Amino acid sequence: MKTTQILRAAGGIACVVFALNVGAQTNSASSTSGSGTSVGQKVDDSAITTKVKADLLGAKNVKSTHIHVKTHAGIVSLTGSVPSAEDKTAAEEVVSNVSGVASVKNHLKIAAN
């Protein structure tokens, strides 16, 4: 329990530090990079990724720490492995309930025992 609280706090801190670094490196939050993605969108995606990871770690019904999370334009992609089909479904439910998640691409594999 204590570990989960520390990880959640650390995730929030990392997100704030990332947001501050991005803000310091640009003149405007609406400027775009070469890929056409705004700096604001990258910050939002990073915040979503951090929140998703924290929620997955804290979820009692998801028994895996081998889940990798990527977010692009609010679409969260899950890769890695979980021990059962129930864990795969539960992980998707946890992620879909995170604020800012537009949709979930669940590419989790069920690990053989």
N, C-alpha and C. Protein backbone atom coordinates (compact mmCIF):
# COMPACT_ATOMS: atom_id res chain seq x y z
N MET A 1 0.83 -1.18 0.00
CA MET A 1 0.00 0.00 0.00
C MET A 1 0.87 1.24 0.00
N LYS A 2 1.85 1.30 0.87
CA LYS A 2 2.73 2.46 0.97
C LYS A 2 3.49 2.67 -0.35
N THR A 3 3.94 1.56 -0.97
CA THR A 3 4.67 1.65 -2.24
C THR A 3 3.80 2.29 -3.32
N THR A 4 2.53 1.89 -3.37
CA THR A 4 1.61 2.46 -4.37
C THR A 4 1.45 3.96 -4.15
N GLN A 5 1.33 4.39 -2.89
CA GLN A 5 1.18 5.81 -2.61
C GLN A 5 2.42 6.59 -3.03
N ILE A 6 3.58 6.02 -2.78
CA ILE A 6 4.84 6.67 -3.17
C ILE A 6 4.92 6.78 -4.69
N LEU A 7 4.56 5.68 -5.40
CA LEU A 7 4.62 5.70 -6.85
C LEU A 7 3.63 6.71 -7.43
N ARG A 8 2.45 6.79 -6.85
CA ARG A 8 1.48 7.77 -7.34
C ARG A 8 2.01 9.19 -7.14
N ALA A 9 2.57 9.46 -5.98
CA ALA A 9 3.13 10.79 -5.71
C ALA A 9 4.28 11.09 -6.65
N ALA A 10 5.15 10.11 -6.85
CA ALA A 10 6.29 10.30 -7.75
C ALA A 10 5.82 10.53 -9.18
N GLY A 11 4.79 9.82 -9.60
CA GLY A 11 4.26 10.02 -10.94
C GLY A 11 3.74 11.42 -11.14
N GLY A 12 3.05 11.96 -10.14
CA GLY A 12 2.55 13.33 -10.22
C GLY A 12 3.68 14.34 -10.27
N ILE A 13 4.71 14.11 -9.49
CA ILE A 13 5.87 15.00 -9.49
C ILE A 13 6.57 14.96 -10.83
N ALA A 14 6.75 13.76 -11.37
CA ALA A 14 7.41 13.63 -12.67
C ALA A 14 6.63 14.36 -13.75
N CYS A 15 5.32 14.28 -13.68
CA CYS A 15 4.47 14.95 -14.67
C CYS A 15 4.63 16.46 -14.58
N VAL A 16 4.65 16.98 -13.38
CA VAL A 16 4.81 18.43 -13.18
C VAL A 16 6.18 18.88 -13.68
N VAL A 17 7.22 18.13 -13.35
CA VAL A 17 8.57 18.47 -13.80
C VAL A 17 8.63 18.45 -15.32
N PHE A 18 8.05 17.43 -15.92
CA PHE A 18 8.03 17.34 -17.38
C PHE A 18 7.32 18.55 -17.98
N ALA A 19 6.17 18.91 -17.41
CA ALA A 19 5.40 20.05 -17.92
C ALA A 19 6.21 21.33 -17.80
N LEU A 20 6.90 21.51 -16.70
CA LEU A 20 7.72 22.71 -16.52
C LEU A 20 8.88 22.74 -17.51
N ASN A 21 9.51 21.61 -17.75
CA ASN A 21 10.61 21.56 -18.70
C ASN A 21 10.14 21.87 -20.12
N VAL A 22 9.00 21.32 -20.50
CA VAL A 22 8.47 21.59 -21.84
C VAL A 22 8.13 23.07 -21.96
N GLY A 23 7.51 23.64 -20.91
CA GLY A 23 7.14 25.06 -20.94
C GLY A 23 8.36 25.96 -21.05
N ALA A 24 9.43 25.59 -20.40
CA ALA A 24 10.65 26.41 -20.42
C ALA A 24 11.35 26.36 -21.77
N GLN A 25 11.15 25.28 -22.51
CA GLN A 25 11.85 25.10 -23.78
C GLN A 25 11.10 25.70 -24.96
N THR A 26 9.89 26.16 -24.74
CA THR A 26 9.11 26.71 -25.85
C THR A 26 8.63 28.11 -25.51
N ASN A 27 8.35 28.88 -26.52
CA ASN A 27 7.83 30.24 -26.31
C ASN A 27 6.32 30.23 -26.15
N SER A 28 5.68 29.22 -26.74
CA SER A 28 4.23 29.16 -26.72
C SER A 28 3.77 27.72 -26.63
N ALA A 29 2.78 27.45 -25.80
CA ALA A 29 2.26 26.09 -25.66
C ALA A 29 1.52 25.65 -26.92
N SER A 30 1.21 26.58 -27.79
CA SER A 30 0.50 26.21 -29.01
C SER A 30 1.44 25.98 -30.19
N SER A 31 2.73 26.13 -30.00
CA SER A 31 3.65 25.88 -31.10
C SER A 31 3.68 24.40 -31.41
N THR A 32 4.04 24.05 -32.64
CA THR A 32 4.04 22.65 -33.02
C THR A 32 5.44 22.21 -33.39
N SER A 33 5.64 20.91 -33.22
CA SER A 33 6.92 20.33 -33.64
C SER A 33 6.78 19.89 -35.10
N GLY A 34 7.82 19.29 -35.63
CA GLY A 34 7.81 18.85 -37.02
C GLY A 34 6.75 17.81 -37.31
N SER A 35 6.31 17.07 -36.30
CA SER A 35 5.31 16.03 -36.52
C SER A 35 3.90 16.57 -36.52
N GLY A 36 3.72 17.85 -36.20
CA GLY A 36 2.39 18.43 -36.19
C GLY A 36 1.67 18.25 -34.86
N THR A 37 2.33 17.70 -33.86
CA THR A 37 1.74 17.52 -32.54
C THR A 37 2.11 18.72 -31.69
N SER A 38 1.12 19.31 -31.04
CA SER A 38 1.39 20.49 -30.23
C SER A 38 2.10 20.09 -28.94
N VAL A 39 2.82 21.04 -28.39
CA VAL A 39 3.50 20.81 -27.11
C VAL A 39 2.46 20.50 -26.04
N GLY A 40 1.36 21.21 -26.07
CA GLY A 40 0.30 20.96 -25.10
C GLY A 40 -0.22 19.54 -25.17
N GLN A 41 -0.34 19.01 -26.39
CA GLN A 41 -0.81 17.63 -26.56
C GLN A 41 0.20 16.64 -25.99
N LYS A 42 1.48 16.92 -26.20
CA LYS A 42 2.51 16.03 -25.65
C LYS A 42 2.48 16.02 -24.13
N VAL A 43 2.26 17.18 -23.53
CA VAL A 43 2.15 17.26 -22.07
C VAL A 43 0.92 16.50 -21.61
N ASP A 44 -0.21 16.70 -22.29
CA ASP A 44 -1.44 15.98 -21.94
C ASP A 44 -1.22 14.47 -22.03
N ASP A 45 -0.59 14.02 -23.11
CA ASP A 45 -0.34 12.59 -23.29
C ASP A 45 0.56 12.05 -22.20
N SER A 46 1.56 12.81 -21.81
CA SER A 46 2.46 12.38 -20.74
C SER A 46 1.72 12.29 -19.41
N ALA A 47 0.85 13.25 -19.16
CA ALA A 47 0.06 13.24 -17.93
C ALA A 47 -0.87 12.04 -17.90
N ILE A 48 -1.49 11.74 -19.03
CA ILE A 48 -2.39 10.58 -19.12
C ILE A 48 -1.59 9.31 -18.88
N THR A 49 -0.44 9.18 -19.52
CA THR A 49 0.40 7.99 -19.35
C THR A 49 0.77 7.79 -17.89
N THR A 50 1.17 8.87 -17.22
CA THR A 50 1.56 8.80 -15.81
C THR A 50 0.38 8.36 -14.95
N LYS A 51 -0.79 8.93 -15.20
CA LYS A 51 -1.98 8.58 -14.43
C LYS A 51 -2.39 7.13 -14.67
N VAL A 52 -2.31 6.69 -15.92
CA VAL A 52 -2.66 5.31 -16.26
C VAL A 52 -1.74 4.34 -15.53
N LYS A 53 -0.44 4.62 -15.57
CA LYS A 53 0.52 3.73 -14.89
C LYS A 53 0.24 3.67 -13.39
N ALA A 54 -0.03 4.81 -12.78
CA ALA A 54 -0.32 4.84 -11.34
C ALA A 54 -1.59 4.06 -11.02
N ASP A 55 -2.62 4.23 -11.84
CA ASP A 55 -3.87 3.52 -11.60
C ASP A 55 -3.72 2.02 -11.80
N LEU A 56 -2.94 1.61 -12.80
CA LEU A 56 -2.71 0.18 -13.01
C LEU A 56 -1.95 -0.43 -11.83
N LEU A 57 -0.96 0.30 -11.32
CA LEU A 57 -0.21 -0.20 -10.16
C LEU A 57 -1.09 -0.31 -8.93
N GLY A 58 -2.03 0.60 -8.79
CA GLY A 58 -2.90 0.60 -7.63
C GLY A 58 -4.12 -0.30 -7.74
N ALA A 59 -4.39 -0.81 -8.93
CA ALA A 59 -5.58 -1.64 -9.15
C ALA A 59 -5.40 -3.02 -8.51
N LYS A 60 -6.33 -3.37 -7.66
CA LYS A 60 -6.26 -4.66 -6.99
C LYS A 60 -6.64 -5.81 -7.92
N ASN A 61 -7.38 -5.50 -8.98
CA ASN A 61 -7.84 -6.55 -9.89
C ASN A 61 -6.94 -6.74 -11.12
N VAL A 62 -5.77 -6.10 -11.13
CA VAL A 62 -4.80 -6.28 -12.22
C VAL A 62 -3.52 -6.80 -11.59
N LYS A 63 -3.14 -8.03 -11.95
CA LYS A 63 -2.00 -8.66 -11.29
C LYS A 63 -0.76 -8.70 -12.18
N SER A 64 -0.38 -7.60 -12.74
CA SER A 64 0.82 -7.58 -13.56
C SER A 64 1.53 -6.25 -13.47
N THR A 65 2.84 -6.33 -13.41
CA THR A 65 3.65 -5.12 -13.49
C THR A 65 4.39 -5.09 -14.83
N HIS A 66 4.01 -5.97 -15.73
CA HIS A 66 4.65 -6.06 -17.05
C HIS A 66 3.78 -5.42 -18.13
N ILE A 67 3.15 -4.30 -17.79
CA ILE A 67 2.30 -3.59 -18.75
C ILE A 67 3.00 -2.30 -19.14
N HIS A 68 3.16 -2.11 -20.44
CA HIS A 68 3.80 -0.90 -20.98
C HIS A 68 2.70 -0.01 -21.54
N VAL A 69 2.82 1.28 -21.27
CA VAL A 69 1.78 2.24 -21.64
C VAL A 69 2.36 3.33 -22.54
N LYS A 70 1.69 3.59 -23.65
CA LYS A 70 2.03 4.72 -24.52
C LYS A 70 0.74 5.45 -24.84
N THR A 71 0.83 6.78 -24.93
CA THR A 71 -0.36 7.58 -25.23
C THR A 71 -0.04 8.53 -26.37
N HIS A 72 -0.95 8.61 -27.33
CA HIS A 72 -0.83 9.56 -28.43
C HIS A 72 -2.22 10.10 -28.73
N ALA A 73 -2.37 11.41 -28.58
CA ALA A 73 -3.64 12.10 -28.83
C ALA A 73 -4.77 11.49 -28.00
N GLY A 74 -4.45 11.10 -26.76
CA GLY A 74 -5.47 10.55 -25.87
C GLY A 74 -5.77 9.09 -26.07
N ILE A 75 -5.15 8.48 -27.08
CA ILE A 75 -5.36 7.05 -27.34
C ILE A 75 -4.24 6.29 -26.63
N VAL A 76 -4.62 5.44 -25.69
CA VAL A 76 -3.66 4.70 -24.87
C VAL A 76 -3.47 3.31 -25.46
N SER A 77 -2.21 2.94 -25.68
CA SER A 77 -1.86 1.60 -26.15
C SER A 77 -1.22 0.83 -25.01
N LEU A 78 -1.74 -0.37 -24.76
CA LEU A 78 -1.20 -1.25 -23.74
C LEU A 78 -0.48 -2.42 -24.41
N THR A 79 0.76 -2.66 -24.02
CA THR A 79 1.50 -3.83 -24.50
C THR A 79 2.13 -4.49 -23.28
N GLY A 80 2.60 -5.70 -23.47
CA GLY A 80 3.21 -6.45 -22.39
C GLY A 80 2.43 -7.72 -22.14
N SER A 81 2.53 -8.22 -20.91
CA SER A 81 1.85 -9.49 -20.60
C SER A 81 1.15 -9.43 -19.25
N VAL A 82 0.08 -10.19 -19.17
CA VAL A 82 -0.69 -10.37 -17.94
C VAL A 82 -0.93 -11.86 -17.75
N PRO A 83 -1.21 -12.30 -16.51
CA PRO A 83 -1.35 -13.73 -16.27
C PRO A 83 -2.65 -14.36 -16.76
N SER A 84 -3.71 -13.55 -16.99
CA SER A 84 -4.99 -14.15 -17.38
C SER A 84 -5.82 -13.19 -18.23
N ALA A 85 -6.86 -13.76 -18.85
CA ALA A 85 -7.78 -12.95 -19.65
C ALA A 85 -8.52 -11.95 -18.77
N GLU A 86 -8.79 -12.33 -17.52
CA GLU A 86 -9.46 -11.42 -16.58
C GLU A 86 -8.59 -10.19 -16.31
N ASP A 87 -7.28 -10.40 -16.17
CA ASP A 87 -6.37 -9.28 -15.94
C ASP A 87 -6.31 -8.38 -17.16
N LYS A 88 -6.36 -8.96 -18.34
CA LYS A 88 -6.34 -8.17 -19.58
C LYS A 88 -7.58 -7.27 -19.65
N THR A 89 -8.74 -7.85 -19.35
CA THR A 89 -9.99 -7.08 -19.36
C THR A 89 -9.99 -6.02 -18.27
N ALA A 90 -9.53 -6.39 -17.08
CA ALA A 90 -9.49 -5.45 -15.96
C ALA A 90 -8.57 -4.28 -16.25
N ALA A 91 -7.42 -4.55 -16.86
CA ALA A 91 -6.48 -3.48 -17.21
C ALA A 91 -7.14 -2.49 -18.17
N GLU A 92 -7.83 -2.99 -19.15
CA GLU A 92 -8.51 -2.11 -20.11
C GLU A 92 -9.58 -1.27 -19.41
N GLU A 93 -10.31 -1.86 -18.48
CA GLU A 93 -11.34 -1.12 -17.74
C GLU A 93 -10.71 0.00 -16.91
N VAL A 94 -9.61 -0.32 -16.22
CA VAL A 94 -8.94 0.69 -15.40
C VAL A 94 -8.50 1.86 -16.27
N VAL A 95 -7.90 1.56 -17.41
CA VAL A 95 -7.38 2.60 -18.30
C VAL A 95 -8.51 3.43 -18.89
N SER A 96 -9.59 2.79 -19.29
CA SER A 96 -10.69 3.53 -19.92
C SER A 96 -11.36 4.50 -18.96
N ASN A 97 -11.19 4.28 -17.64
CA ASN A 97 -11.79 5.17 -16.64
C ASN A 97 -10.90 6.35 -16.26
N VAL A 98 -9.71 6.43 -16.84
CA VAL A 98 -8.81 7.54 -16.54
C VAL A 98 -9.24 8.77 -17.34
N SER A 99 -9.31 9.90 -16.67
CA SER A 99 -9.71 11.14 -17.32
C SER A 99 -8.74 11.49 -18.46
N GLY A 100 -9.28 11.84 -19.61
CA GLY A 100 -8.46 12.22 -20.75
C GLY A 100 -8.22 11.11 -21.75
N VAL A 101 -8.55 9.87 -21.37
CA VAL A 101 -8.35 8.74 -22.28
C VAL A 101 -9.51 8.72 -23.28
N ALA A 102 -9.16 8.84 -24.57
CA ALA A 102 -10.17 8.82 -25.62
C ALA A 102 -10.54 7.39 -25.98
N SER A 103 -9.54 6.52 -26.06
CA SER A 103 -9.79 5.10 -26.35
C SER A 103 -8.58 4.29 -25.91
N VAL A 104 -8.77 2.97 -25.88
CA VAL A 104 -7.72 2.06 -25.42
C VAL A 104 -7.47 1.02 -26.50
N LYS A 105 -6.20 0.85 -26.86
CA LYS A 105 -5.79 -0.24 -27.76
C LYS A 105 -5.10 -1.28 -26.87
N ASN A 106 -5.80 -2.38 -26.62
CA ASN A 106 -5.30 -3.39 -25.69
C ASN A 106 -4.57 -4.48 -26.46
N HIS A 107 -3.23 -4.41 -26.46
CA HIS A 107 -2.41 -5.41 -27.14
C HIS A 107 -1.71 -6.32 -26.13
N LEU A 108 -2.31 -6.45 -24.94
CA LEU A 108 -1.70 -7.28 -23.90
C LEU A 108 -1.77 -8.75 -24.28
N LYS A 109 -0.73 -9.47 -23.99
CA LYS A 109 -0.67 -10.90 -24.24
C LYS A 109 -0.91 -11.63 -22.91
N ILE A 110 -1.53 -12.78 -22.99
CA ILE A 110 -1.74 -13.59 -21.80
C ILE A 110 -0.55 -14.54 -21.70
N ALA A 111 0.19 -14.40 -20.59
CA ALA A 111 1.41 -15.18 -20.39
C ALA A 111 1.06 -16.62 -20.06
N ALA A 112 1.82 -17.55 -20.63
CA ALA A 112 1.64 -18.96 -20.32
C ALA A 112 2.20 -19.23 -18.93
N ASN A 113 1.51 -20.09 -18.20
CA ASN A 113 1.97 -20.43 -16.83
C ASN A 113 3.20 -21.26 -16.85
